[in-house]
């Protein structure tokens, strides 16, 4: 088994995945808030 050395792992893929997740969640929250605002204005 290979010896683990702290701090040598390449985390580029994980960082890009997390960045995409954060963007997705942010955009989803914005859309939900806009839908709720629209429903409040229309009086549905």
PDB file of N, CA and C in Angstrom:
ATOM      1  N   UNK A   1       0.842  -1.177   0.000  1.00  0.00           N
ATOM      2  CA  UNK A   1       0.000   0.000   0.000  1.00  0.00           C
ATOM      3  C   UNK A   1       0.889   1.243   0.000  1.00  0.00           C
ATOM      4  N   UNK A   2       0.500   2.239  -0.762  1.00  0.00           N
ATOM      5  CA  UNK A   2       1.310   3.449  -0.884  1.00  0.00           C
ATOM      6  C   UNK A   2       1.284   4.252   0.413  1.00  0.00           C
ATOM      7  N   UNK A   3       2.362   4.919   0.676  1.00  0.00           N
ATOM      8  CA  UNK A   3       2.474   5.769   1.860  1.00  0.00           C
ATOM      9  C   UNK A   3       1.768   7.098   1.592  1.00  0.00           C
ATOM     10  N   UNK A   4       0.894   7.499   2.495  1.00  0.00           N
ATOM     11  CA  UNK A   4       0.155   8.755   2.334  1.00  0.00           C
ATOM     12  C   UNK A   4       1.002   9.914   2.848  1.00  0.00           C
ATOM     13  N   UNK A   5       1.077  10.976   2.042  1.00  0.00           N
ATOM     14  CA  UNK A   5       1.793  12.180   2.439  1.00  0.00           C
ATOM     15  C   UNK A   5       0.793  13.326   2.454  1.00  0.00           C
ATOM     16  N   UNK A   6       0.622  13.934   3.607  1.00  0.00           N
ATOM     17  CA  UNK A   6      -0.375  14.981   3.801  1.00  0.00           C
ATOM     18  C   UNK A   6      -0.099  16.180   2.877  1.00  0.00           C
ATOM     19  N   UNK A   7      -1.166  16.643   2.194  1.00  0.00           N
ATOM     20  CA  UNK A   7      -1.069  17.838   1.373  1.00  0.00           C
ATOM     21  C   UNK A   7      -0.625  17.617  -0.057  1.00  0.00           C
ATOM     22  N   UNK A   8      -0.482  16.379  -0.498  1.00  0.00           N
ATOM     23  CA  UNK A   8      -0.006  16.119  -1.863  1.00  0.00           C
ATOM     24  C   UNK A   8      -1.099  15.676  -2.823  1.00  0.00           C
ATOM     25  N   UNK A   9      -2.328  15.574  -2.350  1.00  0.00           N
ATOM     26  CA  UNK A   9      -3.408  15.118  -3.212  1.00  0.00           C
ATOM     27  C   UNK A   9      -3.844  16.237  -4.155  1.00  0.00           C
ATOM     28  N   UNK A  10      -4.071  15.890  -5.418  1.00  0.00           N
ATOM     29  CA  UNK A  10      -4.572  16.847  -6.382  1.00  0.00           C
ATOM     30  C   UNK A  10      -6.084  16.971  -6.189  1.00  0.00           C
ATOM     31  N   UNK A  11      -6.549  18.142  -5.782  1.00  0.00           N
ATOM     32  CA  UNK A  11      -7.974  18.342  -5.495  1.00  0.00           C
ATOM     33  C   UNK A  11      -8.665  19.189  -6.556  1.00  0.00           C
ATOM     34  N   UNK A  12      -8.069  19.327  -7.724  1.00  0.00           N
ATOM     35  CA  UNK A  12      -8.628  20.171  -8.775  1.00  0.00           C
ATOM     36  C   UNK A  12     -10.040  19.735  -9.160  1.00  0.00           C
ATOM     37  N   UNK A  13     -10.237  18.435  -9.372  1.00  0.00           N
ATOM     38  CA  UNK A  13     -11.546  17.926  -9.795  1.00  0.00           C
ATOM     39  C   UNK A  13     -12.588  18.163  -8.701  1.00  0.00           C
ATOM     40  N   UNK A  14     -12.221  17.911  -7.449  1.00  0.00           N
ATOM     41  CA  UNK A  14     -13.156  18.124  -6.350  1.00  0.00           C
ATOM     42  C   UNK A  14     -13.531  19.602  -6.227  1.00  0.00           C
ATOM     43  N   UNK A  15     -12.556  20.494  -6.408  1.00  0.00           N
ATOM     44  CA  UNK A  15     -12.829  21.928  -6.317  1.00  0.00           C
ATOM     45  C   UNK A  15     -13.761  22.379  -7.428  1.00  0.00           C
ATOM     46  N   UNK A  16     -13.566  21.874  -8.640  1.00  0.00           N
ATOM     47  CA  UNK A  16     -14.439  22.231  -9.763  1.00  0.00           C
ATOM     48  C   UNK A  16     -15.847  21.703  -9.539  1.00  0.00           C
ATOM     49  N   UNK A  17     -15.964  20.490  -9.004  1.00  0.00           N
ATOM     50  CA  UNK A  17     -17.278  19.918  -8.716  1.00  0.00           C
ATOM     51  C   UNK A  17     -18.003  20.746  -7.670  1.00  0.00           C
ATOM     52  N   UNK A  18     -17.311  21.133  -6.613  1.00  0.00           N
ATOM     53  CA  UNK A  18     -17.919  21.945  -5.564  1.00  0.00           C
ATOM     54  C   UNK A  18     -18.328  23.314  -6.103  1.00  0.00           C
ATOM     55  N   UNK A  19     -17.495  23.903  -6.942  1.00  0.00           N
ATOM     56  CA  UNK A  19     -17.815  25.194  -7.553  1.00  0.00           C
ATOM     57  C   UNK A  19     -19.100  25.090  -8.378  1.00  0.00           C
ATOM     58  N   UNK A  20     -19.227  24.022  -9.149  1.00  0.00           N
ATOM     59  CA  UNK A  20     -20.439  23.803  -9.934  1.00  0.00           C
ATOM     60  C   UNK A  20     -21.660  23.613  -9.056  1.00  0.00           C
ATOM     61  N   UNK A  21     -21.489  22.881  -7.962  1.00  0.00           N
ATOM     62  CA  UNK A  21     -22.587  22.663  -7.022  1.00  0.00           C
ATOM     63  C   UNK A  21     -23.052  23.977  -6.406  1.00  0.00           C
ATOM     64  N   UNK A  22     -22.115  24.819  -6.006  1.00  0.00           N
ATOM     65  CA  UNK A  22     -22.458  26.106  -5.394  1.00  0.00           C
ATOM     66  C   UNK A  22     -23.199  26.985  -6.402  1.00  0.00           C
ATOM     67  N   UNK A  23     -22.747  27.009  -7.640  1.00  0.00           N
ATOM     68  CA  UNK A  23     -23.429  27.789  -8.681  1.00  0.00           C
ATOM     69  C   UNK A  23     -24.852  27.282  -8.890  1.00  0.00           C
ATOM     70  N   UNK A  24     -24.999  25.958  -8.950  1.00  0.00           N
ATOM     71  CA  UNK A  24     -26.319  25.355  -9.152  1.00  0.00           C
ATOM     72  C   UNK A  24     -27.264  25.724  -8.015  1.00  0.00           C
ATOM     73  N   UNK A  25     -26.809  25.601  -6.789  1.00  0.00           N
ATOM     74  CA  UNK A  25     -27.651  25.907  -5.630  1.00  0.00           C
ATOM     75  C   UNK A  25     -28.014  27.389  -5.604  1.00  0.00           C
ATOM     76  N   UNK A  26     -27.047  28.252  -5.894  1.00  0.00           N
ATOM     77  CA  UNK A  26     -27.310  29.691  -5.901  1.00  0.00           C
ATOM     78  C   UNK A  26     -28.361  30.053  -6.943  1.00  0.00           C
ATOM     79  N   UNK A  27     -28.216  29.536  -8.132  1.00  0.00           N
ATOM     80  CA  UNK A  27     -29.177  29.833  -9.199  1.00  0.00           C
ATOM     81  C   UNK A  27     -30.553  29.262  -8.869  1.00  0.00           C
ATOM     82  N   UNK A  28     -30.589  28.073  -8.284  1.00  0.00           N
ATOM     83  CA  UNK A  28     -31.862  27.462  -7.918  1.00  0.00           C
ATOM     84  C   UNK A  28     -32.584  28.297  -6.863  1.00  0.00           C
ATOM     85  N   UNK A  29     -31.855  28.780  -5.873  1.00  0.00           N
ATOM     86  CA  UNK A  29     -32.460  29.612  -4.831  1.00  0.00           C
ATOM     87  C   UNK A  29     -33.007  30.904  -5.428  1.00  0.00           C
ATOM     88  N   UNK A  30     -32.270  31.504  -6.349  1.00  0.00           N
ATOM     89  CA  UNK A  30     -32.736  32.735  -6.999  1.00  0.00           C
ATOM     90  C   UNK A  30     -34.033  32.480  -7.754  1.00  0.00           C
ATOM     91  N   UNK A  31     -34.101  31.382  -8.485  1.00  0.00           N
ATOM     92  CA  UNK A  31     -35.315  31.047  -9.240  1.00  0.00           C
ATOM     93  C   UNK A  31     -36.487  30.815  -8.291  1.00  0.00           C
ATOM     94  N   UNK A  32     -36.262  30.116  -7.199  1.00  0.00           N
ATOM     95  CA  UNK A  32     -37.332  29.858  -6.236  1.00  0.00           C
ATOM     96  C   UNK A  32     -37.844  31.166  -5.637  1.00  0.00           C
ATOM     97  N   UNK A  33     -36.930  32.063  -5.276  1.00  0.00           N
ATOM     98  CA  UNK A  33     -37.334  33.353  -4.704  1.00  0.00           C
ATOM     99  C   UNK A  33     -38.145  34.153  -5.725  1.00  0.00           C
ATOM    100  N   UNK A  34     -37.714  34.143  -6.975  1.00  0.00           N
ATOM    101  CA  UNK A  34     -38.460  34.867  -8.012  1.00  0.00           C
ATOM    102  C   UNK A  34     -39.857  34.273  -8.213  1.00  0.00           C
ATOM    103  N   UNK A  35     -39.957  32.970  -8.190  1.00  0.00           N
ATOM    104  CA  UNK A  35     -41.267  32.326  -8.328  1.00  0.00           C
ATOM    105  C   UNK A  35     -42.165  32.699  -7.150  1.00  0.00           C
ATOM    106  N   UNK A  36     -41.617  32.677  -5.943  1.00  0.00           N
ATOM    107  CA  UNK A  36     -42.403  33.046  -4.772  1.00  0.00           C
ATOM    108  C   UNK A  36     -42.840  34.503  -4.830  1.00  0.00           C
ATOM    109  N   UNK A  37     -41.967  35.400  -5.287  1.00  0.00           N
ATOM    110  CA  UNK A  37     -42.312  36.803  -5.419  1.00  0.00           C
ATOM    111  C   UNK A  37     -43.431  36.978  -6.459  1.00  0.00           C
ATOM    112  N   UNK A  38     -43.335  36.267  -7.564  1.00  0.00           N
ATOM    113  CA  UNK A  38     -44.358  36.329  -8.602  1.00  0.00           C
ATOM    114  C   UNK A  38     -45.706  35.846  -8.054  1.00  0.00           C
ATOM    115  N   UNK A  39     -45.688  34.741  -7.328  1.00  0.00           N
ATOM    116  CA  UNK A  39     -46.933  34.216  -6.758  1.00  0.00           C
ATOM    117  C   UNK A  39     -47.523  35.192  -5.741  1.00  0.00           C
ATOM    118  N   UNK A  40     -46.667  35.858  -4.983  1.00  0.00           N
ATOM    119  CA  UNK A  40     -47.159  36.830  -4.001  1.00  0.00           C
ATOM    120  C   UNK A  40     -47.781  38.030  -4.703  1.00  0.00           C
ATOM    121  N   UNK A  41     -47.212  38.478  -5.807  1.00  0.00           N
ATOM    122  CA  UNK A  41     -47.755  39.621  -6.540  1.00  0.00           C
ATOM    123  C   UNK A  41     -49.050  39.286  -7.259  1.00  0.00           C
ATOM    124  N   UNK A  42     -49.141  38.076  -7.797  1.00  0.00           N
ATOM    125  CA  UNK A  42     -50.326  37.657  -8.534  1.00  0.00           C
ATOM    126  C   UNK A  42     -51.459  37.332  -7.570  1.00  0.00           C
ATOM    127  N   UNK A  43     -51.109  36.881  -6.380  1.00  0.00           N
ATOM    128  CA  UNK A  43     -52.124  36.548  -5.379  1.00  0.00           C
ATOM    129  C   UNK A  43     -52.639  35.134  -5.520  1.00  0.00           C
ATOM    130  N   UNK A  44     -51.794  34.265  -5.996  1.00  0.00           N
ATOM    131  CA  UNK A  44     -52.226  32.879  -6.215  1.00  0.00           C
ATOM    132  C   UNK A  44     -52.399  32.118  -4.932  1.00  0.00           C
TER     133      UNK A  44
END
